[in-house]
Amino acid sequence: MDAFVDFLISYGNAGMFLAALLSGSIAPFISSEAVLIALLAVGAEPWGMLLWGTVGNVLGGIIIYYLGYIGSPQGVERRFHIDHDKMQRATKLVCEHGALAAAFGWVPLLGSAIMVVLGVMRADTAKTLLWMTLGKFLRYLVIVLSAVGISLLVQPTPTPP
């Protein structure tokens, strides 16, 4: 797994996008957070990492939502090895909060179950996309701010003499 993460890191923005896409969809065991932090540590541009991480992870969430939409909860559980108890917790969250539950689509393992259940229950696609995007963006923003510091993120770009 370390070799794969190193491979992703070597591709910069594209690596961040791919790590986020995979971790948000069919390979939740891939740590897009580790790739993000490693890329920031080697000098990657924070705003680019935030953008590509969010876009990739949201697209991953859309994939999982769609798989739930066209499939059954049992089939998705079996195919992607999502724990039945997590599916039950996700179902309870979606029943209580509807599309708002998508804001927690980034939570490791439970997030995939939430997105599947939202698809199975045919939750409003626009609201699901909005809440999912907001949740995933805020998660990556917190990581970026923690890794590079708030002052580095908001410093004006120096102009050449």
N, C-alpha and C. Protein backbone atom coordinates (compact mmCIF):
# COMPACT_ATOMS: atom_id res chain seq x y z
N MET A 1 0.82 -1.19 0.00
CA MET A 1 0.00 0.00 0.00
C MET A 1 0.87 1.26 0.00
N ASP A 2 1.98 1.23 0.74
CA ASP A 2 2.86 2.40 0.78
C ASP A 2 3.39 2.76 -0.60
N ALA A 3 3.69 1.76 -1.40
CA ALA A 3 4.20 2.00 -2.76
C ALA A 3 3.14 2.70 -3.60
N PHE A 4 1.88 2.31 -3.42
CA PHE A 4 0.79 2.94 -4.18
C PHE A 4 0.61 4.39 -3.75
N VAL A 5 0.66 4.65 -2.46
CA VAL A 5 0.56 6.03 -1.95
C VAL A 5 1.73 6.85 -2.48
N ASP A 6 2.94 6.29 -2.48
CA ASP A 6 4.10 6.99 -3.04
C ASP A 6 3.89 7.30 -4.52
N PHE A 7 3.31 6.35 -5.24
CA PHE A 7 2.99 6.56 -6.65
C PHE A 7 2.04 7.74 -6.82
N LEU A 8 0.99 7.78 -6.00
CA LEU A 8 0.01 8.88 -6.08
C LEU A 8 0.67 10.22 -5.78
N ILE A 9 1.53 10.24 -4.77
CA ILE A 9 2.21 11.47 -4.38
C ILE A 9 3.09 11.98 -5.52
N SER A 10 3.71 11.07 -6.25
CA SER A 10 4.61 11.48 -7.34
C SER A 10 3.87 12.19 -8.47
N TYR A 11 2.56 12.08 -8.54
CA TYR A 11 1.80 12.71 -9.62
C TYR A 11 1.11 14.00 -9.22
N GLY A 12 1.41 14.55 -8.06
CA GLY A 12 0.92 15.87 -7.68
C GLY A 12 -0.60 15.99 -7.70
N ASN A 13 -1.11 16.99 -8.46
CA ASN A 13 -2.55 17.23 -8.51
C ASN A 13 -3.32 16.00 -8.98
N ALA A 14 -2.81 15.34 -10.03
CA ALA A 14 -3.48 14.15 -10.54
C ALA A 14 -3.47 13.03 -9.50
N GLY A 15 -2.40 12.90 -8.77
CA GLY A 15 -2.33 11.91 -7.70
C GLY A 15 -3.31 12.20 -6.59
N MET A 16 -3.44 13.50 -6.24
CA MET A 16 -4.40 13.89 -5.21
C MET A 16 -5.82 13.58 -5.68
N PHE A 17 -6.11 13.93 -6.92
CA PHE A 17 -7.43 13.66 -7.48
C PHE A 17 -7.75 12.17 -7.45
N LEU A 18 -6.82 11.35 -7.91
CA LEU A 18 -7.03 9.90 -7.96
C LEU A 18 -7.17 9.31 -6.56
N ALA A 19 -6.33 9.74 -5.63
CA ALA A 19 -6.43 9.24 -4.25
C ALA A 19 -7.79 9.59 -3.65
N ALA A 20 -8.25 10.82 -3.88
CA ALA A 20 -9.53 11.25 -3.35
C ALA A 20 -10.69 10.51 -4.01
N LEU A 21 -10.60 10.31 -5.32
CA LEU A 21 -11.63 9.58 -6.05
C LEU A 21 -11.75 8.15 -5.53
N LEU A 22 -10.62 7.47 -5.42
CA LEU A 22 -10.63 6.08 -4.96
C LEU A 22 -11.10 5.97 -3.51
N SER A 23 -10.61 6.86 -2.65
CA SER A 23 -10.99 6.76 -1.23
C SER A 23 -12.45 7.14 -1.03
N GLY A 24 -13.00 7.95 -1.92
CA GLY A 24 -14.40 8.34 -1.80
C GLY A 24 -15.35 7.36 -2.46
N SER A 25 -14.81 6.34 -3.13
CA SER A 25 -15.69 5.41 -3.84
C SER A 25 -15.38 3.97 -3.52
N ILE A 26 -14.64 3.33 -4.40
CA ILE A 26 -14.49 1.88 -4.31
C ILE A 26 -13.34 1.40 -3.45
N ALA A 27 -12.50 2.30 -2.97
CA ALA A 27 -11.35 1.90 -2.16
C ALA A 27 -11.21 2.80 -0.93
N PRO A 28 -12.18 2.74 0.00
CA PRO A 28 -12.13 3.64 1.14
C PRO A 28 -10.94 3.43 2.07
N PHE A 29 -10.20 2.35 1.86
CA PHE A 29 -9.02 2.09 2.69
C PHE A 29 -7.82 2.92 2.24
N ILE A 30 -7.89 3.55 1.07
CA ILE A 30 -6.81 4.44 0.61
C ILE A 30 -6.96 5.76 1.35
N SER A 31 -5.90 6.23 1.93
CA SER A 31 -5.97 7.45 2.73
C SER A 31 -5.62 8.67 1.87
N SER A 32 -6.66 9.33 1.39
CA SER A 32 -6.41 10.56 0.62
C SER A 32 -5.84 11.64 1.53
N GLU A 33 -6.13 11.54 2.82
CA GLU A 33 -5.57 12.51 3.77
C GLU A 33 -4.06 12.38 3.85
N ALA A 34 -3.55 11.13 3.85
CA ALA A 34 -2.10 10.93 3.88
C ALA A 34 -1.44 11.47 2.62
N VAL A 35 -2.08 11.25 1.48
CA VAL A 35 -1.55 11.77 0.22
C VAL A 35 -1.56 13.30 0.26
N LEU A 36 -2.64 13.88 0.73
CA LEU A 36 -2.74 15.35 0.83
C LEU A 36 -1.64 15.92 1.71
N ILE A 37 -1.46 15.36 2.87
CA ILE A 37 -0.44 15.86 3.80
C ILE A 37 0.96 15.70 3.21
N ALA A 38 1.21 14.56 2.58
CA ALA A 38 2.52 14.33 1.97
C ALA A 38 2.78 15.33 0.84
N LEU A 39 1.78 15.58 0.02
CA LEU A 39 1.94 16.54 -1.06
C LEU A 39 2.17 17.95 -0.53
N LEU A 40 1.46 18.31 0.52
CA LEU A 40 1.68 19.63 1.12
C LEU A 40 3.09 19.72 1.71
N ALA A 41 3.56 18.62 2.28
CA ALA A 41 4.89 18.61 2.90
C ALA A 41 6.00 18.80 1.87
N VAL A 42 5.75 18.37 0.63
CA VAL A 42 6.77 18.54 -0.41
C VAL A 42 6.55 19.81 -1.23
N GLY A 43 5.65 20.67 -0.76
CA GLY A 43 5.50 21.99 -1.37
C GLY A 43 4.37 22.15 -2.36
N ALA A 44 3.43 21.22 -2.41
CA ALA A 44 2.30 21.37 -3.32
C ALA A 44 1.48 22.60 -2.93
N GLU A 45 0.86 23.19 -3.90
CA GLU A 45 0.07 24.40 -3.69
C GLU A 45 -1.21 24.04 -2.94
N PRO A 46 -1.44 24.62 -1.75
CA PRO A 46 -2.58 24.23 -0.91
C PRO A 46 -3.95 24.36 -1.58
N TRP A 47 -4.18 25.46 -2.31
CA TRP A 47 -5.49 25.64 -2.93
C TRP A 47 -5.75 24.58 -3.99
N GLY A 48 -4.71 24.20 -4.73
CA GLY A 48 -4.85 23.14 -5.73
C GLY A 48 -5.18 21.81 -5.07
N MET A 49 -4.52 21.53 -3.97
CA MET A 49 -4.78 20.27 -3.26
C MET A 49 -6.22 20.25 -2.72
N LEU A 50 -6.66 21.38 -2.21
CA LEU A 50 -8.03 21.49 -1.70
C LEU A 50 -9.03 21.26 -2.84
N LEU A 51 -8.79 21.89 -3.98
CA LEU A 51 -9.68 21.75 -5.13
C LEU A 51 -9.71 20.32 -5.64
N TRP A 52 -8.53 19.74 -5.95
CA TRP A 52 -8.49 18.41 -6.54
C TRP A 52 -8.93 17.33 -5.57
N GLY A 53 -8.63 17.51 -4.29
CA GLY A 53 -9.11 16.55 -3.29
C GLY A 53 -10.63 16.57 -3.20
N THR A 54 -11.20 17.76 -3.15
CA THR A 54 -12.65 17.88 -3.05
C THR A 54 -13.33 17.31 -4.30
N VAL A 55 -12.87 17.71 -5.47
CA VAL A 55 -13.49 17.24 -6.72
C VAL A 55 -13.41 15.72 -6.83
N GLY A 56 -12.24 15.16 -6.56
CA GLY A 56 -12.09 13.71 -6.64
C GLY A 56 -12.96 12.97 -5.65
N ASN A 57 -13.01 13.47 -4.41
CA ASN A 57 -13.79 12.80 -3.39
C ASN A 57 -15.29 12.92 -3.65
N VAL A 58 -15.72 14.06 -4.17
CA VAL A 58 -17.13 14.22 -4.51
C VAL A 58 -17.50 13.28 -5.66
N LEU A 59 -16.66 13.19 -6.67
CA LEU A 59 -16.94 12.25 -7.77
C LEU A 59 -17.00 10.81 -7.25
N GLY A 60 -16.13 10.48 -6.31
CA GLY A 60 -16.19 9.16 -5.68
C GLY A 60 -17.51 8.94 -4.96
N GLY A 61 -17.97 9.96 -4.25
CA GLY A 61 -19.25 9.87 -3.56
C GLY A 61 -20.41 9.71 -4.53
N ILE A 62 -20.33 10.40 -5.69
CA ILE A 62 -21.37 10.28 -6.71
C ILE A 62 -21.41 8.85 -7.23
N ILE A 63 -20.25 8.24 -7.42
CA ILE A 63 -20.19 6.85 -7.88
C ILE A 63 -20.90 5.94 -6.89
N ILE A 64 -20.59 6.09 -5.61
CA ILE A 64 -21.20 5.23 -4.59
C ILE A 64 -22.71 5.50 -4.49
N TYR A 65 -23.11 6.76 -4.58
CA TYR A 65 -24.53 7.11 -4.57
C TYR A 65 -25.24 6.40 -5.73
N TYR A 66 -24.64 6.48 -6.92
CA TYR A 66 -25.23 5.87 -8.10
C TYR A 66 -25.31 4.34 -7.97
N LEU A 67 -24.28 3.73 -7.41
CA LEU A 67 -24.32 2.28 -7.20
C LEU A 67 -25.46 1.89 -6.27
N GLY A 68 -25.70 2.71 -5.24
CA GLY A 68 -26.84 2.47 -4.38
C GLY A 68 -28.15 2.70 -5.11
N TYR A 69 -28.17 3.69 -5.98
CA TYR A 69 -29.37 4.04 -6.73
C TYR A 69 -29.79 2.90 -7.66
N ILE A 70 -28.81 2.26 -8.29
CA ILE A 70 -29.15 1.19 -9.25
C ILE A 70 -29.13 -0.21 -8.63
N GLY A 71 -28.62 -0.31 -7.41
CA GLY A 71 -28.48 -1.63 -6.80
C GLY A 71 -29.32 -1.77 -5.55
N SER A 72 -29.07 -2.84 -4.85
CA SER A 72 -29.73 -3.09 -3.58
C SER A 72 -28.71 -2.90 -2.46
N PRO A 73 -29.17 -2.57 -1.27
CA PRO A 73 -28.23 -2.42 -0.16
C PRO A 73 -27.43 -3.71 0.09
N GLN A 74 -28.11 -4.85 -0.02
CA GLN A 74 -27.43 -6.12 0.23
C GLN A 74 -26.35 -6.38 -0.82
N GLY A 75 -26.65 -6.10 -2.07
CA GLY A 75 -25.67 -6.31 -3.14
C GLY A 75 -24.45 -5.43 -2.97
N VAL A 76 -24.67 -4.17 -2.60
CA VAL A 76 -23.55 -3.24 -2.42
C VAL A 76 -22.74 -3.65 -1.19
N GLU A 77 -23.43 -4.04 -0.11
CA GLU A 77 -22.74 -4.52 1.10
C GLU A 77 -21.79 -5.65 0.75
N ARG A 78 -22.31 -6.60 0.01
CA ARG A 78 -21.54 -7.80 -0.34
C ARG A 78 -20.38 -7.45 -1.28
N ARG A 79 -20.67 -6.70 -2.32
CA ARG A 79 -19.65 -6.40 -3.34
C ARG A 79 -18.53 -5.54 -2.80
N PHE A 80 -18.85 -4.55 -1.95
CA PHE A 80 -17.82 -3.62 -1.47
C PHE A 80 -17.45 -3.85 -0.01
N HIS A 81 -17.90 -4.96 0.55
CA HIS A 81 -17.53 -5.35 1.91
C HIS A 81 -17.85 -4.26 2.93
N ILE A 82 -19.03 -3.68 2.81
CA ILE A 82 -19.47 -2.69 3.79
C ILE A 82 -20.19 -3.45 4.90
N ASP A 83 -19.76 -3.25 6.10
CA ASP A 83 -20.30 -3.93 7.26
C ASP A 83 -21.81 -3.67 7.40
N HIS A 84 -22.57 -4.72 7.67
CA HIS A 84 -24.03 -4.61 7.79
C HIS A 84 -24.43 -3.62 8.89
N ASP A 85 -23.69 -3.62 10.01
CA ASP A 85 -24.01 -2.68 11.09
C ASP A 85 -23.82 -1.24 10.64
N LYS A 86 -22.79 -0.98 9.84
CA LYS A 86 -22.58 0.37 9.31
C LYS A 86 -23.72 0.76 8.37
N MET A 87 -24.20 -0.19 7.59
CA MET A 87 -25.34 0.09 6.71
C MET A 87 -26.59 0.42 7.54
N GLN A 88 -26.76 -0.27 8.65
CA GLN A 88 -27.91 0.00 9.51
C GLN A 88 -27.81 1.40 10.14
N ARG A 89 -26.60 1.74 10.61
CA ARG A 89 -26.39 3.08 11.18
C ARG A 89 -26.60 4.15 10.13
N ALA A 90 -26.11 3.90 8.93
CA ALA A 90 -26.28 4.86 7.83
C ALA A 90 -27.75 5.02 7.48
N THR A 91 -28.48 3.92 7.46
CA THR A 91 -29.92 3.98 7.16
C THR A 91 -30.64 4.83 8.20
N LYS A 92 -30.28 4.64 9.46
CA LYS A 92 -30.90 5.43 10.53
C LYS A 92 -30.59 6.92 10.34
N LEU A 93 -29.33 7.24 10.04
CA LEU A 93 -28.95 8.64 9.81
C LEU A 93 -29.72 9.25 8.65
N VAL A 94 -29.82 8.51 7.55
CA VAL A 94 -30.52 9.03 6.38
C VAL A 94 -32.00 9.19 6.67
N CYS A 95 -32.60 8.26 7.39
CA CYS A 95 -34.02 8.37 7.74
C CYS A 95 -34.27 9.59 8.62
N GLU A 96 -33.33 9.89 9.52
CA GLU A 96 -33.49 11.02 10.43
C GLU A 96 -33.18 12.36 9.77
N HIS A 97 -32.18 12.39 8.87
CA HIS A 97 -31.69 13.67 8.37
C HIS A 97 -31.81 13.86 6.86
N GLY A 98 -32.20 12.85 6.13
CA GLY A 98 -32.35 12.96 4.68
C GLY A 98 -31.02 13.28 4.02
N ALA A 99 -31.07 14.13 3.00
CA ALA A 99 -29.89 14.46 2.20
C ALA A 99 -28.80 15.14 3.04
N LEU A 100 -29.16 15.75 4.14
CA LEU A 100 -28.17 16.38 5.04
C LEU A 100 -27.13 15.36 5.51
N ALA A 101 -27.50 14.10 5.59
CA ALA A 101 -26.56 13.05 6.00
C ALA A 101 -25.36 12.98 5.07
N ALA A 102 -25.52 13.43 3.83
CA ALA A 102 -24.42 13.39 2.86
C ALA A 102 -23.25 14.25 3.31
N ALA A 103 -23.48 15.22 4.19
CA ALA A 103 -22.39 16.05 4.72
C ALA A 103 -21.38 15.20 5.49
N PHE A 104 -21.79 14.00 5.89
CA PHE A 104 -20.90 13.10 6.62
C PHE A 104 -20.41 11.95 5.73
N GLY A 105 -20.51 12.15 4.42
CA GLY A 105 -20.05 11.16 3.45
C GLY A 105 -18.54 10.96 3.47
N TRP A 106 -17.82 11.82 4.18
CA TRP A 106 -16.36 11.71 4.26
C TRP A 106 -15.90 10.83 5.42
N VAL A 107 -16.78 10.49 6.34
CA VAL A 107 -16.40 9.71 7.51
C VAL A 107 -15.93 8.33 7.04
N PRO A 108 -14.73 7.92 7.45
CA PRO A 108 -14.21 6.63 6.98
C PRO A 108 -15.20 5.47 7.18
N LEU A 109 -15.38 4.70 6.13
CA LEU A 109 -16.24 3.53 6.04
C LEU A 109 -17.73 3.84 6.21
N LEU A 110 -18.11 4.57 7.23
CA LEU A 110 -19.52 4.91 7.40
C LEU A 110 -19.98 5.83 6.28
N GLY A 111 -19.09 6.69 5.79
CA GLY A 111 -19.45 7.61 4.71
C GLY A 111 -19.89 6.89 3.45
N SER A 112 -19.21 5.81 3.11
CA SER A 112 -19.62 5.02 1.93
C SER A 112 -21.01 4.45 2.13
N ALA A 113 -21.26 3.94 3.32
CA ALA A 113 -22.58 3.39 3.62
C ALA A 113 -23.65 4.48 3.53
N ILE A 114 -23.36 5.66 4.03
CA ILE A 114 -24.32 6.78 3.95
C ILE A 114 -24.65 7.08 2.49
N MET A 115 -23.62 7.15 1.65
CA MET A 115 -23.86 7.49 0.25
C MET A 115 -24.65 6.39 -0.46
N VAL A 116 -24.37 5.13 -0.15
CA VAL A 116 -25.12 4.02 -0.74
C VAL A 116 -26.59 4.12 -0.33
N VAL A 117 -26.83 4.33 0.94
CA VAL A 117 -28.20 4.40 1.44
C VAL A 117 -28.94 5.59 0.83
N LEU A 118 -28.27 6.72 0.68
CA LEU A 118 -28.90 7.87 0.02
C LEU A 118 -29.32 7.51 -1.40
N GLY A 119 -28.47 6.76 -2.09
CA GLY A 119 -28.82 6.32 -3.44
C GLY A 119 -29.98 5.34 -3.44
N VAL A 120 -29.94 4.34 -2.55
CA VAL A 120 -31.01 3.35 -2.47
C VAL A 120 -32.34 4.03 -2.16
N MET A 121 -32.31 5.02 -1.26
CA MET A 121 -33.54 5.70 -0.85
C MET A 121 -33.94 6.80 -1.82
N ARG A 122 -33.17 6.96 -2.89
CA ARG A 122 -33.45 7.96 -3.92
C ARG A 122 -33.57 9.36 -3.32
N ALA A 123 -32.63 9.67 -2.44
CA ALA A 123 -32.61 11.01 -1.82
C ALA A 123 -32.43 12.05 -2.92
N ASP A 124 -32.94 13.23 -2.69
CA ASP A 124 -32.85 14.32 -3.65
C ASP A 124 -31.41 14.50 -4.10
N THR A 125 -31.16 14.33 -5.38
CA THR A 125 -29.80 14.34 -5.91
C THR A 125 -29.12 15.68 -5.72
N ALA A 126 -29.81 16.77 -6.00
CA ALA A 126 -29.20 18.10 -5.88
C ALA A 126 -28.83 18.40 -4.43
N LYS A 127 -29.73 18.11 -3.50
CA LYS A 127 -29.44 18.35 -2.08
C LYS A 127 -28.31 17.44 -1.61
N THR A 128 -28.34 16.18 -2.04
CA THR A 128 -27.27 15.24 -1.66
C THR A 128 -25.93 15.74 -2.16
N LEU A 129 -25.87 16.20 -3.40
CA LEU A 129 -24.63 16.71 -3.98
C LEU A 129 -24.16 17.95 -3.23
N LEU A 130 -25.06 18.84 -2.91
CA LEU A 130 -24.71 20.06 -2.17
C LEU A 130 -24.10 19.72 -0.81
N TRP A 131 -24.80 18.90 -0.02
CA TRP A 131 -24.32 18.57 1.33
C TRP A 131 -23.05 17.74 1.29
N MET A 132 -22.97 16.82 0.33
CA MET A 132 -21.76 16.00 0.20
C MET A 132 -20.56 16.89 -0.13
N THR A 133 -20.73 17.80 -1.08
CA THR A 133 -19.65 18.69 -1.48
C THR A 133 -19.21 19.56 -0.31
N LEU A 134 -20.15 20.12 0.40
CA LEU A 134 -19.82 20.97 1.54
C LEU A 134 -19.06 20.18 2.60
N GLY A 135 -19.52 19.00 2.94
CA GLY A 135 -18.86 18.19 3.96
C GLY A 135 -17.45 17.80 3.56
N LYS A 136 -17.28 17.36 2.33
CA LYS A 136 -15.96 16.93 1.87
C LYS A 136 -15.01 18.11 1.74
N PHE A 137 -15.51 19.25 1.25
CA PHE A 137 -14.69 20.45 1.15
C PHE A 137 -14.21 20.89 2.53
N LEU A 138 -15.11 20.94 3.50
CA LEU A 138 -14.73 21.39 4.84
C LEU A 138 -13.72 20.45 5.49
N ARG A 139 -13.87 19.16 5.25
CA ARG A 139 -12.91 18.19 5.80
C ARG A 139 -11.51 18.45 5.24
N TYR A 140 -11.40 18.60 3.91
CA TYR A 140 -10.10 18.87 3.30
C TYR A 140 -9.57 20.24 3.71
N LEU A 141 -10.44 21.21 3.87
CA LEU A 141 -10.01 22.55 4.30
C LEU A 141 -9.37 22.48 5.68
N VAL A 142 -9.98 21.75 6.59
CA VAL A 142 -9.41 21.60 7.94
C VAL A 142 -8.05 20.93 7.87
N ILE A 143 -7.91 19.93 7.03
CA ILE A 143 -6.62 19.24 6.90
C ILE A 143 -5.57 20.18 6.32
N VAL A 144 -5.93 20.91 5.27
CA VAL A 144 -4.98 21.84 4.65
C VAL A 144 -4.57 22.91 5.66
N LEU A 145 -5.53 23.49 6.35
CA LEU A 145 -5.22 24.53 7.33
C LEU A 145 -4.37 23.99 8.47
N SER A 146 -4.63 22.77 8.87
CA SER A 146 -3.83 22.15 9.93
C SER A 146 -2.40 21.88 9.46
N ALA A 147 -2.26 21.49 8.21
CA ALA A 147 -0.95 21.12 7.69
C ALA A 147 -0.07 22.32 7.35
N VAL A 148 -0.64 23.34 6.74
CA VAL A 148 0.19 24.47 6.29
C VAL A 148 0.03 25.71 7.15
N GLY A 149 -0.96 25.72 7.99
CA GLY A 149 -1.18 26.88 8.84
C GLY A 149 -2.01 27.94 8.12
N ILE A 150 -2.85 28.57 8.88
CA ILE A 150 -3.75 29.57 8.32
C ILE A 150 -2.98 30.71 7.67
N SER A 151 -1.90 31.16 8.29
CA SER A 151 -1.18 32.31 7.75
C SER A 151 -0.56 32.02 6.39
N LEU A 152 -0.10 30.78 6.18
CA LEU A 152 0.48 30.45 4.88
C LEU A 152 -0.57 30.42 3.78
N LEU A 153 -1.78 30.07 4.14
CA LEU A 153 -2.84 29.95 3.16
C LEU A 153 -3.37 31.31 2.71
N VAL A 154 -3.34 32.29 3.58
CA VAL A 154 -3.93 33.58 3.24
C VAL A 154 -2.89 34.66 2.93
N GLN A 155 -1.63 34.32 2.94
CA GLN A 155 -0.59 35.31 2.60
C GLN A 155 -0.73 35.73 1.15
N PRO A 156 -0.59 37.01 0.89
CA PRO A 156 -0.62 37.44 -0.51
C PRO A 156 0.60 36.91 -1.27
N THR A 157 0.39 36.64 -2.53
CA THR A 157 1.48 36.17 -3.38
C THR A 157 2.43 37.33 -3.64
N PRO A 158 3.74 37.12 -3.41
CA PRO A 158 4.69 38.22 -3.66
C PRO A 158 4.73 38.56 -5.13
N THR A 159 4.81 39.85 -5.42
CA THR A 159 4.91 40.30 -6.81
C THR A 159 6.39 40.47 -7.15
N PRO A 160 6.74 40.11 -8.39
CA PRO A 160 8.14 40.26 -8.78
C PRO A 160 8.52 41.74 -8.86
N PRO A 161 9.81 42.06 -8.62
CA PRO A 161 10.23 43.48 -8.64
C PRO A 161 10.21 44.07 -10.03
